[in-house]
Amino acid sequence: MNENLDEDLHDLLGLPAEERILARWEDIFINLDILEPVFQALKHMASQPDKERQNNLLISGESSVGKSKTLQHYVNDVMREARATKPRLSSEYANIPSFRIRTPVTDEATFYVRILEALGRKDRRERSLHRLSHDAVEMMRRCGVRLPIFDEFHSSDPEEVGIRTFGATLKDVGATIQRPMVLAGTEKAVKIIDKDPELSTRFTHIEMNRFASANGDFQDMLYNFETRIPLRKASNLADAPLCTVIFNLTRGLIGDVSILLSSAAVKAVETGEEQITQETLQSLDFAKSQQRRLRRWHA
């Protein structure tokens, strides 16, 4: 029996890999001490009183450092609390204190459509930009949005015109709903915000970093991961030399750790080994597959 596995997962051990591992992998979130400043900043922003000129939050970090997963975990938490305490603000509008969308800066209409979709309203892009903007802002007000989160801001238009246009959009939305907002993206997001002197003064910046070594926080993360991976045998991921192998393969990026461990867990179930070993990890040829993924991402 796997003594490292949380008791509530023991009933899953008889299921095949797809149901046991893949179907529930996205629900796994490892809440680490190093993420506490991010959560505290989000809570602080959401607690601010309404006012036209807000101080906003910019969260940056390289790809796979865990930004999106962390932000979605925050949204899920506040939405669970909202449903438990005040499911609806009226007979018509749900209580949605926060939401997260990908930021399509090259298409302002899609930006507003995604806000409306996040608030439960399906809209047609055929509506005028003015109407989409009005409806998105009105829905945020009626749904009681306290903290909108605009993720993947690094996919923004690199041209100066696009930066100015979307910067004006952000300032207008923020002033109209009178709420702070969160932008998240890579270092490119920081450069985009810095190019607008007025916009840059309205953001507090937090940077999320990869793990610096295979010790300490990285080992804590691996230990917590293992408690949520339903395998019959203990893998002892946090122990040397396995933790060092995982660190070297993933370069300390939590997103890559998640991809590596999910693949390894599936293989452990399918082969009947029921634990993750160095041999399991080496058989995945993870480094080469990640290089191919990065080449496709940059293409």
Protein backbone atom coordinates (compact mmCIF):
# COMPACT_ATOMS: atom_id res chain seq x y z
CA MET A 1 0.00 0.00 0.00
CA ASN A 2 1.16 3.55 -0.81
CA GLU A 3 1.62 5.22 2.59
CA ASN A 4 2.20 8.61 0.90
CA LEU A 5 -1.24 8.69 -0.75
CA ASP A 6 -4.06 10.72 0.80
CA GLU A 7 -6.77 8.44 2.20
CA ASP A 8 -9.58 9.98 0.13
CA LEU A 9 -7.91 8.68 -3.07
CA HIS A 10 -7.56 5.01 -2.13
CA ASP A 11 -10.87 4.11 -3.78
CA LEU A 12 -9.44 5.19 -7.15
CA LEU A 13 -6.68 2.58 -7.20
CA GLY A 14 -8.78 0.02 -9.06
CA LEU A 15 -9.55 2.35 -11.98
CA PRO A 16 -7.70 2.39 -15.34
CA ALA A 17 -5.14 5.11 -16.05
CA GLU A 18 -7.50 7.37 -18.00
CA GLU A 19 -10.02 7.59 -15.16
CA ARG A 20 -7.54 7.35 -12.29
CA ILE A 21 -4.93 9.83 -13.57
CA LEU A 22 -5.89 11.84 -16.65
CA ALA A 23 -9.55 12.57 -15.87
CA ARG A 24 -8.71 14.28 -12.59
CA TRP A 25 -5.23 15.67 -13.22
CA GLU A 26 -6.38 19.23 -13.90
CA ASP A 27 -8.00 19.31 -10.45
CA ILE A 28 -4.65 18.83 -8.71
CA PHE A 29 -3.28 22.07 -7.28
CA ILE A 30 -0.22 22.22 -5.04
CA ASN A 31 -0.61 25.18 -2.67
CA LEU A 32 2.96 26.18 -1.80
CA ASP A 33 4.26 28.77 0.68
CA ILE A 34 5.99 30.60 -2.18
CA LEU A 35 2.55 31.33 -3.70
CA GLU A 36 1.24 33.04 -0.58
CA PRO A 37 2.35 36.57 -1.66
CA VAL A 38 0.37 36.14 -4.90
CA PHE A 39 -2.80 35.04 -3.09
CA GLN A 40 -2.44 37.83 -0.54
CA ALA A 41 -2.08 40.39 -3.32
CA LEU A 42 -5.18 39.04 -5.08
CA LYS A 43 -7.22 39.17 -1.88
CA HIS A 44 -5.99 42.69 -1.18
CA MET A 45 -7.02 43.86 -4.64
CA ALA A 46 -10.47 42.28 -4.37
CA SER A 47 -11.07 43.95 -0.99
CA GLN A 48 -10.48 47.50 -2.28
CA PRO A 49 -13.43 49.92 -2.29
CA ASP A 50 -14.88 51.06 -5.59
CA LYS A 51 -13.14 54.07 -7.11
CA GLU A 52 -12.46 55.35 -10.60
CA ARG A 53 -8.65 55.20 -10.51
CA GLN A 54 -7.53 51.88 -9.07
CA ASN A 55 -4.11 50.40 -8.40
CA ASN A 56 -3.98 47.18 -10.43
CA LEU A 57 -1.82 44.05 -10.32
CA LEU A 58 0.59 42.73 -12.95
CA ILE A 59 1.82 39.14 -12.47
CA SER A 60 4.69 38.09 -14.71
CA GLY A 61 6.76 34.97 -15.17
CA GLU A 62 8.09 32.73 -17.90
CA SER A 63 5.90 30.14 -19.57
CA SER A 64 5.10 27.07 -17.38
CA VAL A 65 5.95 28.85 -14.11
CA GLY A 66 2.39 28.30 -12.85
CA LYS A 67 0.67 31.67 -13.38
CA SER A 68 -2.54 30.46 -14.99
CA LYS A 69 -3.01 27.51 -12.62
CA THR A 70 -2.50 29.77 -9.59
CA LEU A 71 -4.93 32.40 -10.86
CA GLN A 72 -7.57 29.83 -11.75
CA HIS A 73 -7.23 28.30 -8.28
CA TYR A 74 -7.95 31.73 -6.78
CA VAL A 75 -11.01 32.14 -9.02
CA ASN A 76 -12.29 28.66 -8.13
CA ASP A 77 -11.93 29.39 -4.42
CA VAL A 78 -13.80 32.69 -4.46
CA MET A 79 -16.51 31.23 -6.69
CA ARG A 80 -17.07 28.31 -4.29
CA GLU A 81 -17.41 30.79 -1.45
CA ALA A 82 -19.76 32.98 -3.49
CA ARG A 83 -22.03 30.05 -4.37
CA ALA A 84 -22.17 29.01 -0.73
CA THR A 85 -22.93 32.43 0.73
CA LYS A 86 -24.83 34.35 -1.95
CA PRO A 87 -25.51 32.27 -5.09
CA ARG A 88 -27.34 35.08 -6.92
CA LEU A 89 -27.37 38.84 -6.60
CA SER A 90 -30.88 38.99 -8.04
CA SER A 91 -33.35 36.73 -9.78
CA GLU A 92 -31.46 37.24 -13.02
CA TYR A 93 -27.72 37.63 -12.36
CA ALA A 94 -25.29 35.17 -10.79
CA ASN A 95 -22.81 36.31 -8.15
CA ILE A 96 -19.41 36.20 -9.91
CA PRO A 97 -16.79 38.04 -7.84
CA SER A 98 -13.91 37.00 -10.10
CA PHE A 99 -13.19 35.39 -13.46
CA ARG A 100 -10.16 34.65 -15.64
CA ILE A 101 -9.96 34.92 -19.42
CA ARG A 102 -7.20 34.76 -22.02
CA THR A 103 -6.47 38.23 -23.36
CA PRO A 104 -6.94 38.58 -27.14
CA VAL A 105 -5.49 42.06 -27.45
CA THR A 106 -5.34 41.97 -31.23
CA ASP A 107 -9.14 41.72 -31.34
CA GLU A 108 -11.03 44.04 -29.01
CA ALA A 109 -14.39 42.52 -29.90
CA THR A 110 -13.19 39.05 -28.84
CA PHE A 111 -11.96 40.56 -25.57
CA TYR A 112 -15.47 41.72 -24.71
CA VAL A 113 -17.07 38.49 -25.97
CA ARG A 114 -14.82 36.44 -23.69
CA ILE A 115 -15.77 38.61 -20.70
CA LEU A 116 -19.45 38.05 -21.49
CA GLU A 117 -18.91 34.30 -21.89
CA ALA A 118 -17.08 34.13 -18.55
CA LEU A 119 -20.14 35.75 -16.98
CA GLY A 120 -22.49 33.21 -18.52
CA ARG A 121 -23.73 35.18 -21.50
CA LYS A 122 -23.25 33.87 -25.01
CA ASP A 123 -22.97 36.74 -27.44
CA ARG A 124 -22.62 37.06 -31.15
CA ARG A 125 -19.58 38.82 -32.53
CA GLU A 126 -21.86 40.50 -35.07
CA ARG A 127 -22.82 43.08 -32.45
CA SER A 128 -21.12 46.46 -32.75
CA LEU A 129 -17.95 47.04 -30.74
CA HIS A 130 -19.72 49.79 -28.81
CA ARG A 131 -22.56 47.43 -27.86
CA LEU A 132 -20.18 44.62 -26.86
CA SER A 133 -18.20 47.04 -24.69
CA HIS A 134 -21.33 48.37 -23.04
CA ASP A 135 -22.76 44.90 -22.42
CA ALA A 136 -19.50 43.54 -20.99
CA VAL A 137 -19.13 46.42 -18.52
CA GLU A 138 -22.81 46.23 -17.55
CA MET A 139 -22.59 42.47 -16.95
CA MET A 140 -19.51 42.92 -14.74
CA ARG A 141 -21.44 45.41 -12.66
CA ARG A 142 -24.59 43.30 -12.40
CA CYS A 143 -22.65 40.13 -11.52
CA GLY A 144 -20.76 41.90 -8.74
CA VAL A 145 -17.30 41.38 -10.25
CA ARG A 146 -14.66 42.43 -7.74
CA LEU A 147 -11.52 41.31 -9.56
CA PRO A 148 -11.37 40.52 -13.30
CA ILE A 149 -8.24 38.60 -14.33
CA PHE A 150 -6.87 38.99 -17.86
CA ASP A 151 -4.37 36.21 -18.45
CA GLU A 152 -1.80 35.50 -21.19
CA PHE A 153 -1.33 39.20 -21.78
CA HIS A 154 2.00 38.40 -23.45
CA SER A 155 0.06 37.31 -26.55
CA SER A 156 -0.67 40.99 -27.11
CA ASP A 157 -0.08 42.95 -30.28
CA PRO A 158 3.59 44.02 -30.23
CA GLU A 159 2.91 47.03 -32.46
CA GLU A 160 2.77 50.45 -30.83
CA VAL A 161 -0.73 51.13 -32.18
CA GLY A 162 -2.05 47.90 -30.65
CA ILE A 163 -0.43 48.73 -27.32
CA ARG A 164 -1.98 52.19 -27.22
CA THR A 165 -5.40 50.91 -28.28
CA PHE A 166 -5.58 48.14 -25.71
CA GLY A 167 -4.05 50.33 -23.01
CA ALA A 168 -6.89 52.78 -23.56
CA THR A 169 -9.37 49.89 -23.42
CA LEU A 170 -8.00 48.71 -20.07
CA LYS A 171 -8.10 52.20 -18.58
CA ASP A 172 -11.66 52.72 -19.80
CA VAL A 173 -12.91 49.37 -18.47
CA GLY A 174 -11.22 49.90 -15.10
CA ALA A 175 -12.57 53.42 -14.70
CA THR A 176 -16.09 52.37 -15.70
CA ILE A 177 -16.46 49.36 -13.40
CA GLN A 178 -14.38 51.15 -10.72
CA ARG A 179 -12.62 47.91 -9.80
CA PRO A 180 -8.93 46.86 -9.85
CA MET A 181 -7.88 44.28 -12.43
CA VAL A 182 -5.14 41.70 -12.80
CA LEU A 183 -2.96 41.23 -15.88
CA ALA A 184 -0.75 38.17 -16.18
CA GLY A 185 1.84 37.20 -18.76
CA THR A 186 5.50 36.73 -19.54
CA GLU A 187 8.22 39.40 -19.38
CA LYS A 188 6.76 40.73 -22.62
CA ALA A 189 3.69 41.84 -20.64
CA VAL A 190 5.90 43.97 -18.40
CA LYS A 191 7.50 45.64 -21.44
CA ILE A 192 4.09 46.33 -22.95
CA ILE A 193 2.80 48.00 -19.79
CA ASP A 194 6.04 49.97 -19.36
CA LYS A 195 5.63 51.48 -22.83
CA ASP A 196 2.55 53.36 -21.62
CA PRO A 197 3.80 55.81 -18.93
CA GLU A 198 0.30 56.46 -17.58
CA LEU A 199 -0.70 52.80 -17.51
CA SER A 200 2.55 51.70 -15.87
CA THR A 201 1.89 53.90 -12.82
CA ARG A 202 -1.36 52.02 -12.17
CA PHE A 203 0.18 48.56 -11.69
CA THR A 204 1.91 46.81 -8.82
CA HIS A 205 4.22 44.11 -10.19
CA ILE A 206 4.76 40.59 -8.80
CA GLU A 207 7.13 38.18 -10.55
CA MET A 208 6.71 34.40 -10.28
CA ASN A 209 9.95 32.45 -10.68
CA ARG A 210 10.97 28.87 -11.37
CA PHE A 211 12.46 26.82 -8.54
CA ALA A 212 16.15 27.62 -8.07
CA SER A 213 17.24 24.16 -6.88
CA ALA A 214 16.05 20.61 -6.25
CA ASN A 215 15.97 21.23 -2.50
CA GLY A 216 13.54 22.82 -0.04
CA ASP A 217 10.42 24.17 -1.76
CA PHE A 218 10.91 21.91 -4.77
CA GLN A 219 10.97 18.84 -2.55
CA ASP A 220 7.88 20.07 -0.69
CA MET A 221 6.07 20.42 -4.00
CA LEU A 222 7.01 16.88 -5.07
CA TYR A 223 5.93 15.45 -1.72
CA ASN A 224 2.53 17.17 -2.02
CA PHE A 225 2.18 16.05 -5.64
CA GLU A 226 2.72 12.44 -4.60
CA THR A 227 -0.06 12.59 -1.99
CA ARG A 228 -2.50 13.34 -4.84
CA ILE A 229 -1.28 10.81 -7.44
CA PRO A 230 -3.22 7.54 -6.94
CA LEU A 231 -0.59 4.83 -7.40
CA ARG A 232 -0.47 1.59 -5.40
CA LYS A 233 3.18 1.97 -4.39
CA ALA A 234 5.11 4.89 -2.92
CA SER A 235 7.42 6.63 -5.40
CA ASN A 236 9.13 8.92 -2.84
CA LEU A 237 9.44 11.67 -5.43
CA ALA A 238 10.91 14.13 -2.93
CA ASP A 239 13.86 11.89 -2.08
CA ALA A 240 17.24 11.94 -3.81
CA PRO A 241 18.17 11.04 -6.45
CA LEU A 242 14.63 11.06 -7.95
CA CYS A 243 13.93 14.70 -7.03
CA THR A 244 17.18 15.74 -8.75
CA VAL A 245 16.24 13.83 -11.90
CA ILE A 246 12.83 15.54 -11.97
CA PHE A 247 14.40 18.96 -11.38
CA ASN A 248 16.91 18.51 -14.20
CA LEU A 249 14.27 17.30 -16.64
CA THR A 250 11.83 20.13 -15.86
CA ARG A 251 14.34 22.94 -15.22
CA GLY A 252 12.42 23.80 -12.05
CA LEU A 253 9.24 24.81 -13.89
CA ILE A 254 6.10 23.61 -12.11
CA GLY A 255 4.14 23.39 -15.35
CA ASP A 256 6.73 21.01 -16.76
CA VAL A 257 6.74 19.03 -13.50
CA SER A 258 2.98 18.54 -13.87
CA ILE A 259 3.32 17.34 -17.48
CA LEU A 260 6.17 15.00 -16.57
CA LEU A 261 4.44 13.46 -13.54
CA SER A 262 1.11 12.96 -15.30
CA SER A 263 2.83 11.09 -18.15
CA ALA A 264 4.91 9.07 -15.70
CA ALA A 265 1.86 8.18 -13.58
CA VAL A 266 -0.07 6.95 -16.61
CA LYS A 267 2.88 4.80 -17.67
CA ALA A 268 3.25 3.42 -14.13
CA VAL A 269 -0.39 2.28 -14.20
CA GLU A 270 -0.28 0.89 -17.72
CA THR A 271 2.91 -1.12 -17.11
CA GLY A 272 1.66 -2.43 -13.77
CA GLU A 273 4.64 -0.97 -11.88
CA GLU A 274 2.33 1.34 -9.90
CA GLN A 275 5.15 3.70 -8.93
CA ILE A 276 7.27 6.36 -10.63
CA THR A 277 10.96 5.44 -10.85
CA GLN A 278 14.03 6.83 -12.61
CA GLU A 279 13.50 4.20 -15.30
CA THR A 280 9.91 5.40 -15.77
CA LEU A 281 11.05 8.98 -16.26
CA GLN A 282 13.91 8.08 -18.60
CA SER A 283 11.60 5.97 -20.77
CA LEU A 284 9.42 9.01 -21.48
CA ASP A 285 12.19 10.85 -23.37
CA PHE A 286 10.76 14.00 -21.77
CA ALA A 287 13.57 16.41 -22.64
CA LYS A 288 13.22 15.80 -26.38
CA SER A 289 9.43 16.02 -26.29
CA GLN A 290 9.61 19.36 -24.45
CA GLN A 291 12.10 20.69 -27.01
CA ARG A 292 9.65 19.79 -29.77
CA ARG A 293 6.82 21.48 -27.84
CA LEU A 294 8.86 24.66 -27.38
CA ARG A 295 9.77 24.74 -31.08
CA ARG A 296 6.06 24.50 -31.99
CA TRP A 297 5.23 27.22 -29.42
CA HIS A 298 7.81 29.62 -30.85
CA ALA A 299 6.99 28.78 -34.49
